[in-house]
Amino acid sequence: VQLQASGGGLVQPGGSLRLACGVSGSISSITLMGWYRQAPGNLREVVATLALDNTAGYIDSAKGRFTISRDNAKNTLYLQMDNLKPEDTAVYYCSIYSGREKRYYWGQGTLVTVSS
């Protein structure tokens, strides 16, 4: 199983980016999908999660600006990020949790830099 994150880059404050996480291979009993981020010197934090019933959850700082979604046909998880702020600068990771295997699968991370 591989998770491949892409879409990061340099963007000015107020700009937008869409991250994508392609999933190859089979993961049994997926219960939760999500995006996390880790800024230099900080712990990794959850940004957004998506349950199988499409219930989404967001960290307070992302509410109203970020949208998590998925395309089952393409086996891809997305994170649309609008009105980006310098404090959003971090390496973003996608993750999938298998309830059967009781483990997380992680992508390799994609760097988002918000700067003028």
C-alpha atoms as a PDB file:
ATOM      1  CA  VAL A   1       0.000   0.000   0.000  1.00  0.00           C
ATOM      2  CA  GLN A   2       1.294   3.439  -0.912  1.00  0.00           C
ATOM      3  CA  LEU A   3      -0.050   6.909  -0.285  1.00  0.00           C
ATOM      4  CA  GLN A   4       1.378   9.562  -2.580  1.00  0.00           C
ATOM      5  CA  ALA A   5       0.793  13.169  -1.564  1.00  0.00           C
ATOM      6  CA  SER A   6       1.204  16.012  -4.034  1.00  0.00           C
ATOM      7  CA  GLY A   7       0.147  19.591  -4.649  1.00  0.00           C
ATOM      8  CA  GLY A   8       2.301  21.486  -2.196  1.00  0.00           C
ATOM      9  CA  GLY A   9       4.278  24.550  -3.123  1.00  0.00           C
ATOM     10  CA  LEU A  10       4.920  28.214  -2.489  1.00  0.00           C
ATOM     11  CA  VAL A  11       1.888  30.469  -2.358  1.00  0.00           C
ATOM     12  CA  GLN A  12       1.269  34.032  -1.234  1.00  0.00           C
ATOM     13  CA  PRO A  13      -0.944  34.790   1.746  1.00  0.00           C
ATOM     14  CA  GLY A  14      -4.572  34.657   0.689  1.00  0.00           C
ATOM     15  CA  GLY A  15      -3.829  32.168  -2.053  1.00  0.00           C
ATOM     16  CA  SER A  16      -5.077  28.628  -2.563  1.00  0.00           C
ATOM     17  CA  LEU A  17      -3.662  25.170  -3.028  1.00  0.00           C
ATOM     18  CA  ARG A  18      -5.236  21.771  -3.501  1.00  0.00           C
ATOM     19  CA  LEU A  19      -3.415  18.807  -2.067  1.00  0.00           C
ATOM     20  CA  ALA A  20      -4.043  15.335  -3.422  1.00  0.00           C
ATOM     21  CA  CYS A  21      -3.279  11.933  -1.938  1.00  0.00           C
ATOM     22  CA  GLY A  22      -3.372   9.003  -4.310  1.00  0.00           C
ATOM     23  CA  VAL A  23      -3.807   5.577  -2.766  1.00  0.00           C
ATOM     24  CA  SER A  24      -2.461   2.492  -4.462  1.00  0.00           C
ATOM     25  CA  GLY A  25      -3.023  -0.973  -3.131  1.00  0.00           C
ATOM     26  CA  SER A  26      -5.799  -2.258  -0.941  1.00  0.00           C
ATOM     27  CA  ILE A  27      -6.530  -1.174   2.596  1.00  0.00           C
ATOM     28  CA  SER A  28      -9.090  -3.194   4.484  1.00  0.00           C
ATOM     29  CA  SER A  29     -11.739  -1.644   6.656  1.00  0.00           C
ATOM     30  CA  ILE A  30     -10.865   2.003   6.186  1.00  0.00           C
ATOM     31  CA  THR A  31     -12.527   3.927   8.980  1.00  0.00           C
ATOM     32  CA  LEU A  32     -10.954   7.371   8.768  1.00  0.00           C
ATOM     33  CA  MET A  33      -8.998   9.450   6.278  1.00  0.00           C
ATOM     34  CA  GLY A  34      -7.208  12.638   7.098  1.00  0.00           C
ATOM     35  CA  TRP A  35      -4.644  15.325   6.532  1.00  0.00           C
ATOM     36  CA  TYR A  36      -2.054  16.242   9.123  1.00  0.00           C
ATOM     37  CA  ARG A  37       0.709  18.809   9.162  1.00  0.00           C
ATOM     38  CA  GLN A  38       3.957  19.421  10.926  1.00  0.00           C
ATOM     39  CA  ALA A  39       5.665  22.772  11.070  1.00  0.00           C
ATOM     40  CA  PRO A  40       9.344  23.085  12.021  1.00  0.00           C
ATOM     41  CA  GLY A  41       9.759  22.635  15.752  1.00  0.00           C
ATOM     42  CA  ASN A  42       6.158  21.587  16.235  1.00  0.00           C
ATOM     43  CA  LEU A  43       4.422  18.287  16.745  1.00  0.00           C
ATOM     44  CA  ARG A  44       2.354  16.797  13.958  1.00  0.00           C
ATOM     45  CA  GLU A  45      -1.252  17.930  14.222  1.00  0.00           C
ATOM     46  CA  VAL A  46      -4.449  16.846  12.587  1.00  0.00           C
ATOM     47  CA  VAL A  47      -5.856  19.355  10.108  1.00  0.00           C
ATOM     48  CA  ALA A  48      -8.913  17.630   8.690  1.00  0.00           C
ATOM     49  CA  THR A  49     -10.549  14.217   8.843  1.00  0.00           C
ATOM     50  CA  LEU A  50     -13.149  12.453   6.748  1.00  0.00           C
ATOM     51  CA  ALA A  51     -15.154   9.472   7.923  1.00  0.00           C
ATOM     52  CA  LEU A  52     -16.689   6.853   5.647  1.00  0.00           C
ATOM     53  CA  ASP A  53     -20.078   8.539   5.914  1.00  0.00           C
ATOM     54  CA  ASN A  54     -18.378  11.725   4.633  1.00  0.00           C
ATOM     55  CA  THR A  55     -18.559  13.437   7.991  1.00  0.00           C
ATOM     56  CA  ALA A  56     -15.723  15.954   8.006  1.00  0.00           C
ATOM     57  CA  GLY A  57     -13.882  17.457  10.931  1.00  0.00           C
ATOM     58  CA  TYR A  58     -11.431  20.343  11.002  1.00  0.00           C
ATOM     59  CA  ILE A  59      -8.973  21.941  13.323  1.00  0.00           C
ATOM     60  CA  ASP A  60     -10.359  25.302  14.436  1.00  0.00           C
ATOM     61  CA  SER A  61      -7.850  27.293  12.419  1.00  0.00           C
ATOM     62  CA  ALA A  62      -8.882  25.474   9.232  1.00  0.00           C
ATOM     63  CA  LYS A  63     -12.635  25.823   9.571  1.00  0.00           C
ATOM     64  CA  GLY A  64     -14.110  27.888   6.778  1.00  0.00           C
ATOM     65  CA  ARG A  65     -10.872  27.823   4.788  1.00  0.00           C
ATOM     66  CA  PHE A  66     -10.058  24.163   4.152  1.00  0.00           C
ATOM     67  CA  THR A  67     -12.226  21.436   2.635  1.00  0.00           C
ATOM     68  CA  ILE A  68     -11.454  17.734   2.740  1.00  0.00           C
ATOM     69  CA  SER A  69     -12.989  15.461   0.129  1.00  0.00           C
ATOM     70  CA  ARG A  70     -12.413  12.190  -1.691  1.00  0.00           C
ATOM     71  CA  ASP A  71     -12.920  10.694  -5.109  1.00  0.00           C
ATOM     72  CA  ASN A  72     -13.497   6.973  -4.713  1.00  0.00           C
ATOM     73  CA  ALA A  73     -13.213   6.309  -8.439  1.00  0.00           C
ATOM     74  CA  LYS A  74      -9.729   7.811  -8.448  1.00  0.00           C
ATOM     75  CA  ASN A  75      -8.734   6.476  -5.009  1.00  0.00           C
ATOM     76  CA  THR A  76      -7.731   9.999  -4.110  1.00  0.00           C
ATOM     77  CA  LEU A  77      -8.136  12.150  -1.029  1.00  0.00           C
ATOM     78  CA  TYR A  78      -8.044  15.933  -1.411  1.00  0.00           C
ATOM     79  CA  LEU A  79      -7.526  18.969   0.762  1.00  0.00           C
ATOM     80  CA  GLN A  80      -8.610  22.265  -0.761  1.00  0.00           C
ATOM     81  CA  MET A  81      -6.941  25.101   1.097  1.00  0.00           C
ATOM     82  CA  ASP A  82      -8.142  28.664   0.552  1.00  0.00           C
ATOM     83  CA  ASN A  83      -7.165  31.972   2.122  1.00  0.00           C
ATOM     84  CA  LEU A  84      -3.850  30.503   3.177  1.00  0.00           C
ATOM     85  CA  LYS A  85      -1.913  32.163   5.968  1.00  0.00           C
ATOM     86  CA  PRO A  86       1.785  32.098   6.841  1.00  0.00           C
ATOM     87  CA  GLU A  87       0.968  29.966   9.879  1.00  0.00           C
ATOM     88  CA  ASP A  88      -0.291  27.251   7.523  1.00  0.00           C
ATOM     89  CA  THR A  89       3.299  26.677   6.424  1.00  0.00           C
ATOM     90  CA  ALA A  90       4.160  23.052   7.148  1.00  0.00           C
ATOM     91  CA  VAL A  91       4.721  19.648   5.651  1.00  0.00           C
ATOM     92  CA  TYR A  92       1.318  18.129   5.033  1.00  0.00           C
ATOM     93  CA  TYR A  93       0.737  14.393   5.321  1.00  0.00           C
ATOM     94  CA  CYS A  94      -2.208  12.302   4.273  1.00  0.00           C
ATOM     95  CA  SER A  95      -3.245   9.333   6.337  1.00  0.00           C
ATOM     96  CA  ILE A  96      -5.681   6.465   6.287  1.00  0.00           C
ATOM     97  CA  TYR A  97      -6.671   4.447   9.333  1.00  0.00           C
ATOM     98  CA  SER A  98      -7.655   0.808   9.008  1.00  0.00           C
ATOM     99  CA  GLY A  99     -10.013  -0.330  11.727  1.00  0.00           C
ATOM    100  CA  ARG A 100      -9.324  -3.974  11.008  1.00  0.00           C
ATOM    101  CA  GLU A 101      -5.552  -3.647  11.013  1.00  0.00           C
ATOM    102  CA  LYS A 102      -5.615  -0.992  13.720  1.00  0.00           C
ATOM    103  CA  ARG A 103      -2.933   1.016  12.054  1.00  0.00           C
ATOM    104  CA  TYR A 104      -2.343   4.228  10.129  1.00  0.00           C
ATOM    105  CA  TYR A 105      -0.969   4.394   6.639  1.00  0.00           C
ATOM    106  CA  TRP A 106       0.976   7.587   5.852  1.00  0.00           C
ATOM    107  CA  GLY A 107       1.979   9.437   2.742  1.00  0.00           C
ATOM    108  CA  GLN A 108       5.435  10.933   2.351  1.00  0.00           C
ATOM    109  CA  GLY A 109       4.431  14.541   2.941  1.00  0.00           C
ATOM    110  CA  THR A 110       4.234  17.581   0.730  1.00  0.00           C
ATOM    111  CA  LEU A 111       5.613  20.989   1.704  1.00  0.00           C
ATOM    112  CA  VAL A 112       3.320  23.994   1.772  1.00  0.00           C
ATOM    113  CA  THR A 113       4.975  27.386   2.167  1.00  0.00           C
ATOM    114  CA  VAL A 114       2.859  30.500   2.552  1.00  0.00           C
ATOM    115  CA  SER A 115       4.950  33.591   2.157  1.00  0.00           C
ATOM    116  CA  SER A 116       5.026  36.888   0.346  1.00  0.00           C
END
